[in-house]
Amino acid sequence: MAAQTPHAHRVTFNSPVVLGFVFLCVAERLLSMATGGLSTRALFMTYHSSLTDPLTYVRMVTHVFGHSGWDHLVSNMSYVLLLGPLLEEKYGSRTLAEIMVLTALACSLANFVLFPRLALCGASGICFAFILLSSVTSLEEGEIPLTFLLVAALFLGQQVVAGVLVQDDVSNLSHVIGGLVGAAAGFALANTGRQR
């Protein structure tokens, strides 16, 4: 009896939107280090700036690539890499990219209107969108999964409490908005049947 040769394993680019996003975030962090943070301020951070400046609108999307440091980046990318590929496989690359852009815009617009003196960068809103979206991936019509209610209560409730009681540089509003976008997207996709 001939011995079977083991199959060689190969690395696959299994989740193009998620992996592309992670690579861009790492590239931005390296660029920020090389420019002393000037590139982040110019292109990867959203803040209250003139509506006649075209970069104001660019930054409303690109701020999700910028991070304040390696700890901030690694923390966010852990969630993105953990949840993103499963969501991209279920909903498709285009749909997931649309949810990410919508989350970025919603977070930046809220920051622009409600906190005109604060700058915002990072993918925390997208992380929370992924968390809430992943909790409704097996949604059936007319049902609300208990897991969704528990995740929403734990993650969003914690952010609301932290936003009221804790004074730090974490944008709790972005977390809440990202979670709401993810939840809304999950229910909308279930109702329209948009799955891969």
Protein backbone atom coordinates (compact mmCIF):
# COMPACT_ATOMS: atom_id res chain seq x y z
CA MET A 1 0.00 0.00 0.00
CA ALA A 2 1.47 3.32 -1.09
CA ALA A 3 1.70 6.05 1.50
CA GLN A 4 -0.35 9.12 0.74
CA THR A 5 1.60 12.29 0.31
CA PRO A 6 0.26 15.19 2.34
CA HIS A 7 -1.35 17.98 0.39
CA ALA A 8 0.64 21.17 0.33
CA HIS A 9 -1.17 24.10 1.92
CA ARG A 10 -1.09 27.49 0.31
CA VAL A 11 -1.86 30.92 1.63
CA THR A 12 -4.96 32.40 0.00
CA PHE A 13 -6.14 35.98 -0.30
CA ASN A 14 -9.49 34.90 1.14
CA SER A 15 -11.05 38.25 1.97
CA PRO A 16 -9.97 41.03 -0.40
CA VAL A 17 -11.90 43.92 1.17
CA VAL A 18 -10.88 43.08 4.73
CA LEU A 19 -7.25 42.33 3.88
CA GLY A 20 -6.99 45.40 1.65
CA PHE A 21 -8.39 47.51 4.47
CA VAL A 22 -5.90 46.11 6.99
CA PHE A 23 -2.96 46.64 4.62
CA LEU A 24 -4.03 50.25 4.00
CA CYS A 25 -4.30 50.89 7.74
CA VAL A 26 -0.80 49.51 8.32
CA ALA A 27 0.56 51.55 5.40
CA GLU A 28 -1.05 54.68 6.85
CA ARG A 29 0.56 54.05 10.23
CA LEU A 30 4.00 53.69 8.61
CA LEU A 31 3.42 56.85 6.56
CA SER A 32 2.34 58.68 9.70
CA MET A 33 5.55 57.66 11.45
CA ALA A 34 7.61 58.81 8.45
CA THR A 35 5.88 62.21 8.32
CA GLY A 36 5.67 62.85 12.05
CA GLY A 37 1.88 62.55 11.95
CA LEU A 38 1.42 65.20 9.24
CA SER A 39 -0.06 62.71 6.76
CA THR A 40 -2.61 61.55 9.31
CA ARG A 41 -3.70 65.10 10.04
CA ALA A 42 -3.91 65.96 6.33
CA LEU A 43 -5.66 62.85 4.99
CA PHE A 44 -6.61 60.30 7.65
CA MET A 45 -8.35 62.23 10.40
CA THR A 46 -11.73 63.94 10.18
CA TYR A 47 -12.40 67.23 11.92
CA HIS A 48 -14.45 70.36 11.52
CA SER A 49 -12.93 72.02 8.46
CA SER A 50 -14.20 74.22 5.66
CA LEU A 51 -16.92 72.73 3.48
CA THR A 52 -15.23 74.37 0.49
CA ASP A 53 -12.12 72.24 1.06
CA PRO A 54 -12.37 69.04 -1.06
CA LEU A 55 -10.24 67.18 1.48
CA THR A 56 -12.98 67.64 4.07
CA TYR A 57 -15.09 65.15 2.11
CA VAL A 58 -12.16 62.80 1.44
CA ARG A 59 -11.33 62.67 5.16
CA MET A 60 -14.94 61.76 5.98
CA VAL A 61 -14.15 58.34 4.50
CA THR A 62 -10.37 58.01 4.86
CA HIS A 63 -10.30 58.74 8.60
CA VAL A 64 -10.98 55.03 9.22
CA PHE A 65 -7.49 54.19 7.91
CA GLY A 66 -5.74 56.49 10.40
CA HIS A 67 -4.87 55.40 13.93
CA SER A 68 -3.26 57.23 16.82
CA GLY A 69 -0.64 54.53 17.40
CA TRP A 70 0.20 50.85 17.03
CA ASP A 71 -1.89 49.80 20.05
CA HIS A 72 -4.95 51.55 18.59
CA LEU A 73 -4.30 49.92 15.20
CA VAL A 74 -3.73 46.40 16.53
CA SER A 75 -6.82 46.58 18.74
CA ASN A 76 -9.06 47.59 15.84
CA MET A 77 -7.49 45.25 13.29
CA SER A 78 -8.00 42.29 15.65
CA TYR A 79 -11.76 42.79 15.43
CA VAL A 80 -11.65 43.49 11.69
CA LEU A 81 -9.64 40.34 10.97
CA LEU A 82 -11.71 38.20 13.32
CA LEU A 83 -15.16 39.20 12.08
CA GLY A 84 -14.60 40.69 8.63
CA PRO A 85 -13.78 37.55 6.61
CA LEU A 86 -16.90 35.75 7.84
CA LEU A 87 -19.05 38.76 6.97
CA GLU A 88 -17.38 39.18 3.57
CA GLU A 89 -17.99 35.51 2.80
CA LYS A 90 -21.66 35.78 3.79
CA TYR A 91 -22.58 39.12 2.21
CA GLY A 92 -19.94 39.52 -0.50
CA SER A 93 -17.09 41.98 -0.90
CA ARG A 94 -19.10 44.80 -2.43
CA THR A 95 -21.81 44.77 0.25
CA LEU A 96 -19.25 44.71 3.06
CA ALA A 97 -17.32 47.59 1.47
CA GLU A 98 -20.57 49.58 1.23
CA ILE A 99 -21.28 48.99 4.93
CA MET A 100 -17.75 50.14 5.81
CA VAL A 101 -18.07 53.34 3.76
CA LEU A 102 -21.52 54.04 5.20
CA THR A 103 -20.16 53.56 8.72
CA ALA A 104 -17.22 55.89 8.03
CA LEU A 105 -19.54 58.60 6.69
CA ALA A 106 -22.05 58.26 9.54
CA CYS A 107 -19.32 58.50 12.20
CA SER A 108 -17.59 61.47 10.57
CA LEU A 109 -20.82 63.39 10.01
CA ALA A 110 -21.85 62.89 13.64
CA ASN A 111 -18.42 64.03 14.80
CA PHE A 112 -18.52 67.02 12.41
CA VAL A 113 -21.91 68.19 13.70
CA LEU A 114 -21.80 67.25 17.39
CA PHE A 115 -18.12 67.68 18.27
CA PRO A 116 -16.72 70.47 16.09
CA ARG A 117 -13.61 70.85 18.26
CA LEU A 118 -12.62 67.16 18.21
CA ALA A 119 -10.73 65.22 15.56
CA LEU A 120 -11.60 61.60 14.83
CA CYS A 121 -9.54 58.76 13.38
CA GLY A 122 -9.58 55.00 13.51
CA ALA A 123 -11.71 52.01 12.56
CA SER A 124 -13.56 51.64 15.88
CA GLY A 125 -16.90 52.44 14.25
CA ILE A 126 -16.31 49.73 11.67
CA CYS A 127 -15.38 47.26 14.44
CA PHE A 128 -18.68 47.92 16.20
CA ALA A 129 -20.56 47.69 12.90
CA PHE A 130 -18.98 44.27 12.35
CA ILE A 131 -19.81 43.16 15.91
CA LEU A 132 -23.50 44.00 15.60
CA LEU A 133 -23.73 42.81 11.99
CA SER A 134 -22.21 39.45 12.93
CA SER A 135 -24.82 38.98 15.67
CA VAL A 136 -27.64 38.98 13.09
CA THR A 137 -26.06 36.85 10.35
CA SER A 138 -28.50 33.97 10.93
CA LEU A 139 -31.54 36.22 11.11
CA GLU A 140 -34.85 34.72 10.00
CA GLU A 141 -37.75 36.90 8.87
CA GLY A 142 -39.82 38.15 11.79
CA GLU A 143 -37.25 37.13 14.39
CA ILE A 144 -34.89 39.05 16.63
CA PRO A 145 -32.10 36.78 17.89
CA LEU A 146 -31.48 36.84 21.63
CA THR A 147 -27.75 36.92 20.86
CA PHE A 148 -28.27 40.21 19.02
CA LEU A 149 -30.10 41.72 22.00
CA LEU A 150 -27.37 40.61 24.39
CA VAL A 151 -24.55 41.87 22.15
CA ALA A 152 -26.33 45.19 21.64
CA ALA A 153 -26.93 45.58 25.37
CA LEU A 154 -23.34 44.67 26.32
CA PHE A 155 -21.39 46.55 23.66
CA LEU A 156 -23.61 49.56 23.02
CA GLY A 157 -24.70 49.87 26.65
CA GLN A 158 -21.07 49.90 27.75
CA GLN A 159 -20.28 52.66 25.25
CA VAL A 160 -23.20 54.82 26.34
CA VAL A 161 -22.19 54.48 30.00
CA ALA A 162 -18.52 55.17 29.18
CA GLY A 163 -19.51 58.20 27.11
CA VAL A 164 -21.40 59.65 30.06
CA LEU A 165 -19.12 58.68 32.95
CA VAL A 166 -15.59 58.39 31.53
CA GLN A 167 -13.61 61.29 30.11
CA ASP A 168 -11.03 59.88 27.68
CA ASP A 169 -10.01 60.21 24.05
CA VAL A 170 -12.10 57.24 22.85
CA SER A 171 -14.97 58.22 20.62
CA ASN A 172 -17.85 56.36 22.23
CA LEU A 173 -20.26 58.03 19.82
CA SER A 174 -18.47 56.41 16.87
CA HIS A 175 -18.77 53.03 18.54
CA VAL A 176 -22.50 53.49 19.07
CA ILE A 177 -23.07 54.80 15.54
CA GLY A 178 -21.00 52.00 14.04
CA GLY A 179 -23.01 49.46 16.01
CA LEU A 180 -26.28 51.01 14.86
CA VAL A 181 -25.15 50.98 11.22
CA GLY A 182 -24.12 47.33 11.51
CA ALA A 183 -27.40 46.34 13.15
CA ALA A 184 -29.46 48.26 10.61
CA ALA A 185 -27.48 46.74 7.74
CA GLY A 186 -27.97 43.24 9.15
CA PHE A 187 -31.74 43.62 9.42
CA ALA A 188 -31.97 45.32 6.00
CA LEU A 189 -29.93 42.58 4.33
CA ALA A 190 -32.05 39.88 5.96
CA ASN A 191 -35.24 41.53 4.73
CA THR A 192 -34.00 41.99 1.17
CA GLY A 193 -32.30 38.60 1.05
CA ARG A 194 -28.98 40.14 -0.06
CA GLN A 195 -26.50 37.41 0.65
CA ARG A 196 -23.76 35.93 -1.36
